[in-house]
Amino acid sequence: QVQPVEFGGGLVQAGGSLRLSCAASGRTFSNYGMGWFRQAPGKEREFVAAITGSGGSTIYTDSVKGRFTISRYNAKNMVYLQMNSLKPEDTAVYYCAATVGNLDIAQASYNYWGQGTQVTVSS
């Protein structure tokens, strides 16, 4: 099992950058694909990005391509989401999650979820 814990959220102006971090407990971290999801006020939670256990492949939702980068450092059981050129519509609670699958965009495939971290982008 892994238990993700997110941190690094905050308030940033439009056009700015923020890096989210996710620390995951467990000794088999590299066996899990990791994903980032977000939920904006009044909206359903949506997929943002995912990365394979090895870190060799990634996938992004169209609205963040070219602006966000997901990465991982397995030696430290860490996953990151670098967010650049932030827009007000990126405002949401961001969640880190783990799956035994790989590059899965479906929330139902993720078994372990963090508590979320708030990102607010002001215009």
N, C-alpha and C. Protein backbone atom coordinates (compact mmCIF):
# COMPACT_ATOMS: atom_id res chain seq x y z
N GLN A 1 0.83 -1.20 0.00
CA GLN A 1 0.00 0.00 0.00
C GLN A 1 0.86 1.24 0.00
N VAL A 2 0.30 2.33 -0.52
CA VAL A 2 0.93 3.63 -0.43
C VAL A 2 -0.09 4.63 0.09
N GLN A 3 0.35 5.62 0.79
CA GLN A 3 -0.51 6.68 1.28
C GLN A 3 0.07 8.02 0.84
N PRO A 4 -0.56 8.65 -0.16
CA PRO A 4 -0.05 9.93 -0.64
C PRO A 4 -0.40 11.08 0.29
N VAL A 5 0.49 12.04 0.39
CA VAL A 5 0.26 13.28 1.13
C VAL A 5 0.77 14.42 0.26
N GLU A 6 -0.13 15.34 -0.11
CA GLU A 6 0.25 16.45 -0.97
C GLU A 6 0.65 17.66 -0.15
N PHE A 7 1.51 18.47 -0.72
CA PHE A 7 1.82 19.78 -0.15
C PHE A 7 2.38 20.68 -1.24
N GLY A 8 2.43 21.96 -0.93
CA GLY A 8 2.97 22.92 -1.89
C GLY A 8 1.94 23.83 -2.54
N GLY A 9 0.67 23.67 -2.21
CA GLY A 9 -0.34 24.54 -2.77
C GLY A 9 -0.23 25.95 -2.20
N GLY A 10 -1.02 26.85 -2.77
CA GLY A 10 -1.01 28.22 -2.29
C GLY A 10 -1.68 29.17 -3.24
N LEU A 11 -1.43 30.44 -3.03
CA LEU A 11 -2.01 31.51 -3.85
C LEU A 11 -0.92 32.06 -4.77
N VAL A 12 -1.25 32.17 -6.05
CA VAL A 12 -0.30 32.68 -7.03
C VAL A 12 -1.04 33.53 -8.05
N GLN A 13 -0.35 34.50 -8.61
CA GLN A 13 -0.97 35.33 -9.63
C GLN A 13 -0.97 34.62 -10.98
N ALA A 14 -1.91 34.99 -11.82
CA ALA A 14 -1.97 34.44 -13.16
C ALA A 14 -0.63 34.66 -13.87
N GLY A 15 -0.19 33.62 -14.57
CA GLY A 15 1.10 33.66 -15.25
C GLY A 15 2.24 33.15 -14.40
N GLY A 16 1.99 32.94 -13.14
CA GLY A 16 3.02 32.48 -12.23
C GLY A 16 3.17 30.97 -12.24
N SER A 17 4.05 30.49 -11.36
CA SER A 17 4.36 29.06 -11.28
C SER A 17 4.22 28.56 -9.85
N LEU A 18 4.00 27.26 -9.75
CA LEU A 18 3.87 26.60 -8.46
C LEU A 18 4.27 25.15 -8.66
N ARG A 19 4.92 24.57 -7.67
CA ARG A 19 5.24 23.14 -7.75
C ARG A 19 4.56 22.42 -6.60
N LEU A 20 3.74 21.46 -6.95
CA LEU A 20 3.13 20.59 -5.96
C LEU A 20 3.99 19.37 -5.75
N SER A 21 4.04 18.92 -4.51
CA SER A 21 4.77 17.71 -4.17
C SER A 21 3.83 16.71 -3.53
N CYS A 22 4.16 15.45 -3.69
CA CYS A 22 3.37 14.37 -3.11
C CYS A 22 4.34 13.35 -2.54
N ALA A 23 4.26 13.14 -1.24
CA ALA A 23 5.08 12.14 -0.57
C ALA A 23 4.22 10.91 -0.34
N ALA A 24 4.74 9.75 -0.74
CA ALA A 24 3.97 8.52 -0.61
C ALA A 24 4.72 7.50 0.25
N SER A 25 4.05 7.01 1.26
CA SER A 25 4.65 5.98 2.10
C SER A 25 4.62 4.65 1.37
N GLY A 26 5.37 3.68 1.87
CA GLY A 26 5.36 2.36 1.26
C GLY A 26 6.69 2.01 0.64
N ARG A 27 7.05 0.74 0.68
CA ARG A 27 8.37 0.31 0.20
C ARG A 27 8.36 -0.11 -1.27
N THR A 28 7.18 -0.15 -1.89
CA THR A 28 7.09 -0.57 -3.29
C THR A 28 6.55 0.56 -4.15
N PHE A 29 6.98 1.76 -3.87
CA PHE A 29 6.46 2.95 -4.54
C PHE A 29 6.58 2.86 -6.05
N SER A 30 7.67 2.33 -6.54
CA SER A 30 7.90 2.28 -7.99
C SER A 30 6.94 1.31 -8.69
N ASN A 31 6.21 0.50 -7.95
CA ASN A 31 5.23 -0.39 -8.54
C ASN A 31 3.91 0.30 -8.88
N TYR A 32 3.78 1.55 -8.47
CA TYR A 32 2.53 2.26 -8.64
C TYR A 32 2.65 3.38 -9.66
N GLY A 33 1.66 3.42 -10.56
CA GLY A 33 1.50 4.61 -11.37
C GLY A 33 0.91 5.70 -10.49
N MET A 34 1.28 6.92 -10.75
CA MET A 34 0.81 8.04 -9.94
C MET A 34 0.09 9.05 -10.81
N GLY A 35 -0.92 9.67 -10.23
CA GLY A 35 -1.68 10.66 -10.97
C GLY A 35 -2.00 11.88 -10.14
N TRP A 36 -2.24 12.97 -10.84
CA TRP A 36 -2.74 14.20 -10.21
C TRP A 36 -4.13 14.47 -10.77
N PHE A 37 -5.04 14.81 -9.89
CA PHE A 37 -6.40 15.18 -10.25
C PHE A 37 -6.71 16.52 -9.58
N ARG A 38 -7.77 17.18 -10.03
CA ARG A 38 -8.16 18.43 -9.40
C ARG A 38 -9.67 18.59 -9.40
N GLN A 39 -10.15 19.35 -8.42
CA GLN A 39 -11.58 19.62 -8.32
C GLN A 39 -11.78 21.10 -8.06
N ALA A 40 -12.37 21.77 -9.03
CA ALA A 40 -12.68 23.19 -8.91
C ALA A 40 -14.01 23.36 -8.20
N PRO A 41 -14.26 24.52 -7.61
CA PRO A 41 -15.53 24.75 -6.90
C PRO A 41 -16.73 24.51 -7.81
N GLY A 42 -17.65 23.71 -7.35
CA GLY A 42 -18.87 23.44 -8.10
C GLY A 42 -18.71 22.50 -9.27
N LYS A 43 -17.53 21.90 -9.41
CA LYS A 43 -17.28 21.00 -10.53
C LYS A 43 -16.84 19.64 -10.03
N GLU A 44 -16.93 18.66 -10.94
CA GLU A 44 -16.49 17.32 -10.59
C GLU A 44 -14.95 17.26 -10.64
N ARG A 45 -14.42 16.30 -9.91
CA ARG A 45 -12.98 16.10 -9.94
C ARG A 45 -12.57 15.59 -11.32
N GLU A 46 -11.44 16.09 -11.82
CA GLU A 46 -10.99 15.72 -13.16
C GLU A 46 -9.53 15.32 -13.17
N PHE A 47 -9.18 14.54 -14.17
CA PHE A 47 -7.80 14.10 -14.37
C PHE A 47 -6.93 15.26 -14.83
N VAL A 48 -5.68 15.31 -14.34
CA VAL A 48 -4.73 16.34 -14.77
C VAL A 48 -3.53 15.70 -15.46
N ALA A 49 -2.86 14.77 -14.78
CA ALA A 49 -1.64 14.18 -15.34
C ALA A 49 -1.37 12.85 -14.64
N ALA A 50 -0.62 11.98 -15.33
CA ALA A 50 -0.24 10.70 -14.76
C ALA A 50 1.15 10.32 -15.23
N ILE A 51 1.80 9.44 -14.46
CA ILE A 51 3.16 9.00 -14.77
C ILE A 51 3.28 7.53 -14.41
N THR A 52 4.02 6.78 -15.21
CA THR A 52 4.23 5.37 -14.94
C THR A 52 5.13 5.17 -13.73
N GLY A 53 5.16 3.94 -13.22
CA GLY A 53 5.97 3.62 -12.05
C GLY A 53 7.45 3.93 -12.24
N SER A 54 7.93 3.69 -13.43
CA SER A 54 9.34 3.95 -13.73
C SER A 54 9.62 5.42 -14.01
N GLY A 55 8.55 6.16 -14.29
CA GLY A 55 8.71 7.56 -14.67
C GLY A 55 8.99 7.76 -16.15
N GLY A 56 8.97 6.68 -16.91
CA GLY A 56 9.35 6.77 -18.31
C GLY A 56 8.29 7.33 -19.24
N SER A 57 7.05 7.29 -18.81
CA SER A 57 5.96 7.80 -19.66
C SER A 57 5.01 8.65 -18.84
N THR A 58 4.46 9.67 -19.52
CA THR A 58 3.53 10.58 -18.87
C THR A 58 2.35 10.86 -19.80
N ILE A 59 1.28 11.36 -19.23
CA ILE A 59 0.11 11.75 -20.01
C ILE A 59 -0.55 12.93 -19.31
N TYR A 60 -1.14 13.83 -20.13
CA TYR A 60 -1.74 15.04 -19.58
C TYR A 60 -3.11 15.29 -20.20
N THR A 61 -3.96 15.96 -19.45
CA THR A 61 -5.18 16.43 -20.04
C THR A 61 -4.85 17.62 -20.94
N ASP A 62 -5.64 17.83 -21.97
CA ASP A 62 -5.31 18.82 -22.99
C ASP A 62 -5.12 20.23 -22.42
N SER A 63 -5.89 20.59 -21.43
CA SER A 63 -5.87 21.97 -20.93
C SER A 63 -4.57 22.34 -20.22
N VAL A 64 -3.75 21.36 -19.86
CA VAL A 64 -2.51 21.66 -19.15
C VAL A 64 -1.26 21.30 -19.96
N LYS A 65 -1.45 20.70 -21.11
CA LYS A 65 -0.29 20.32 -21.93
C LYS A 65 0.56 21.55 -22.27
N GLY A 66 1.87 21.38 -22.11
CA GLY A 66 2.79 22.48 -22.37
C GLY A 66 2.97 23.43 -21.21
N ARG A 67 2.12 23.30 -20.19
CA ARG A 67 2.23 24.18 -19.02
C ARG A 67 2.60 23.41 -17.74
N PHE A 68 2.08 22.20 -17.61
CA PHE A 68 2.33 21.38 -16.43
C PHE A 68 3.27 20.24 -16.77
N THR A 69 4.08 19.83 -15.78
CA THR A 69 4.97 18.69 -15.95
C THR A 69 4.90 17.81 -14.71
N ILE A 70 4.59 16.54 -14.92
CA ILE A 70 4.60 15.58 -13.82
C ILE A 70 5.92 14.83 -13.84
N SER A 71 6.47 14.58 -12.66
CA SER A 71 7.72 13.83 -12.55
C SER A 71 7.71 13.08 -11.23
N ARG A 72 8.66 12.18 -11.09
CA ARG A 72 8.76 11.42 -9.84
C ARG A 72 10.21 11.11 -9.53
N TYR A 73 10.47 10.90 -8.25
CA TYR A 73 11.81 10.54 -7.78
C TYR A 73 11.61 9.34 -6.85
N ASN A 74 11.73 8.16 -7.42
CA ASN A 74 11.38 6.95 -6.68
C ASN A 74 12.26 6.72 -5.46
N ALA A 75 13.49 7.15 -5.49
CA ALA A 75 14.39 6.94 -4.35
C ALA A 75 13.88 7.66 -3.10
N LYS A 76 13.07 8.70 -3.32
CA LYS A 76 12.51 9.46 -2.20
C LYS A 76 11.00 9.31 -2.07
N ASN A 77 10.42 8.40 -2.87
CA ASN A 77 8.96 8.20 -2.84
C ASN A 77 8.20 9.52 -3.06
N MET A 78 8.64 10.27 -4.05
CA MET A 78 8.05 11.58 -4.30
C MET A 78 7.52 11.69 -5.73
N VAL A 79 6.45 12.42 -5.86
CA VAL A 79 5.88 12.80 -7.16
C VAL A 79 5.68 14.31 -7.15
N TYR A 80 5.90 14.93 -8.31
CA TYR A 80 5.81 16.38 -8.39
C TYR A 80 4.89 16.78 -9.55
N LEU A 81 4.32 17.95 -9.41
CA LEU A 81 3.57 18.56 -10.51
C LEU A 81 4.05 20.01 -10.61
N GLN A 82 4.87 20.27 -11.62
CA GLN A 82 5.34 21.63 -11.87
C GLN A 82 4.29 22.33 -12.74
N MET A 83 3.79 23.43 -12.24
CA MET A 83 2.72 24.15 -12.94
C MET A 83 3.22 25.54 -13.32
N ASN A 84 3.29 25.80 -14.60
CA ASN A 84 3.74 27.09 -15.12
C ASN A 84 2.61 27.78 -15.87
N SER A 85 2.77 29.07 -16.11
CA SER A 85 1.77 29.85 -16.85
C SER A 85 0.37 29.60 -16.30
N LEU A 86 0.25 29.68 -15.01
CA LEU A 86 -1.02 29.36 -14.36
C LEU A 86 -2.11 30.34 -14.75
N LYS A 87 -3.32 29.82 -14.84
CA LYS A 87 -4.49 30.59 -15.21
C LYS A 87 -5.53 30.53 -14.08
N PRO A 88 -6.41 31.50 -13.99
CA PRO A 88 -7.44 31.45 -12.95
C PRO A 88 -8.26 30.15 -13.00
N GLU A 89 -8.45 29.61 -14.19
CA GLU A 89 -9.22 28.37 -14.31
C GLU A 89 -8.48 27.14 -13.78
N ASP A 90 -7.21 27.30 -13.40
CA ASP A 90 -6.48 26.22 -12.75
C ASP A 90 -6.77 26.16 -11.26
N THR A 91 -7.51 27.13 -10.75
CA THR A 91 -7.86 27.14 -9.33
C THR A 91 -8.67 25.90 -8.98
N ALA A 92 -8.20 25.16 -7.97
CA ALA A 92 -8.85 23.91 -7.60
C ALA A 92 -8.12 23.30 -6.41
N VAL A 93 -8.73 22.28 -5.84
CA VAL A 93 -8.02 21.42 -4.90
C VAL A 93 -7.36 20.32 -5.73
N TYR A 94 -6.07 20.16 -5.55
CA TYR A 94 -5.31 19.18 -6.32
C TYR A 94 -5.04 17.95 -5.46
N TYR A 95 -5.29 16.78 -6.04
CA TYR A 95 -5.14 15.52 -5.35
C TYR A 95 -4.08 14.65 -6.03
N CYS A 96 -3.30 13.98 -5.22
CA CYS A 96 -2.34 12.99 -5.69
C CYS A 96 -2.93 11.61 -5.40
N ALA A 97 -2.75 10.69 -6.34
CA ALA A 97 -3.34 9.36 -6.18
C ALA A 97 -2.43 8.30 -6.77
N ALA A 98 -2.59 7.07 -6.28
CA ALA A 98 -1.76 5.96 -6.73
C ALA A 98 -2.62 4.84 -7.29
N THR A 99 -2.10 4.20 -8.35
CA THR A 99 -2.79 3.09 -8.98
C THR A 99 -1.81 1.95 -9.25
N VAL A 100 -2.32 0.73 -9.21
CA VAL A 100 -1.47 -0.41 -9.58
C VAL A 100 -1.35 -0.51 -11.08
N GLY A 101 -2.16 0.26 -11.81
CA GLY A 101 -2.05 0.33 -13.25
C GLY A 101 -1.00 1.32 -13.66
N ASN A 102 -1.01 1.68 -14.94
CA ASN A 102 -0.06 2.64 -15.48
C ASN A 102 -0.76 3.61 -16.40
N LEU A 103 -0.40 4.91 -16.28
CA LEU A 103 -0.97 5.93 -17.15
C LEU A 103 -2.48 5.82 -17.26
N ASP A 104 -3.11 5.69 -16.15
CA ASP A 104 -4.56 5.55 -16.11
C ASP A 104 -5.18 6.91 -15.83
N ILE A 105 -6.14 7.32 -16.65
CA ILE A 105 -6.79 8.61 -16.44
C ILE A 105 -8.10 8.47 -15.69
N ALA A 106 -8.53 7.25 -15.44
CA ALA A 106 -9.81 7.01 -14.77
C ALA A 106 -9.65 7.04 -13.26
N GLN A 107 -10.43 7.88 -12.61
CA GLN A 107 -10.34 7.99 -11.16
C GLN A 107 -10.62 6.66 -10.46
N ALA A 108 -11.52 5.89 -11.02
CA ALA A 108 -11.90 4.62 -10.39
C ALA A 108 -10.73 3.64 -10.32
N SER A 109 -9.71 3.86 -11.12
CA SER A 109 -8.55 2.97 -11.13
C SER A 109 -7.56 3.27 -10.02
N TYR A 110 -7.74 4.40 -9.37
CA TYR A 110 -6.80 4.82 -8.33
C TYR A 110 -7.34 4.40 -6.96
N ASN A 111 -6.52 3.65 -6.23
CA ASN A 111 -6.95 3.08 -4.97
C ASN A 111 -6.59 3.94 -3.76
N TYR A 112 -5.56 4.75 -3.91
CA TYR A 112 -5.04 5.50 -2.76
C TYR A 112 -4.99 6.98 -3.11
N TRP A 113 -5.57 7.79 -2.22
CA TRP A 113 -5.72 9.22 -2.47
C TRP A 113 -5.19 10.04 -1.30
N GLY A 114 -4.61 11.18 -1.64
CA GLY A 114 -4.24 12.13 -0.61
C GLY A 114 -5.42 12.99 -0.22
N GLN A 115 -5.20 13.90 0.70
CA GLN A 115 -6.27 14.74 1.22
C GLN A 115 -6.49 15.99 0.38
N GLY A 116 -5.56 16.28 -0.51
CA GLY A 116 -5.71 17.44 -1.39
C GLY A 116 -4.98 18.67 -0.87
N THR A 117 -4.59 19.52 -1.81
CA THR A 117 -3.97 20.79 -1.47
C THR A 117 -4.57 21.88 -2.37
N GLN A 118 -4.87 23.03 -1.80
CA GLN A 118 -5.57 24.08 -2.52
C GLN A 118 -4.60 24.92 -3.34
N VAL A 119 -4.95 25.12 -4.60
CA VAL A 119 -4.22 26.03 -5.48
C VAL A 119 -5.20 27.12 -5.92
N THR A 120 -4.83 28.36 -5.67
CA THR A 120 -5.67 29.49 -6.07
C THR A 120 -4.86 30.42 -6.96
N VAL A 121 -5.39 30.67 -8.15
CA VAL A 121 -4.71 31.54 -9.11
C VAL A 121 -5.55 32.81 -9.26
N SER A 122 -4.98 33.93 -8.90
CA SER A 122 -5.70 35.20 -8.98
C SER A 122 -5.45 35.87 -10.32
N SER A 123 -6.45 36.58 -10.79
CA SER A 123 -6.33 37.25 -12.09
C SER A 123 -5.77 38.65 -11.95
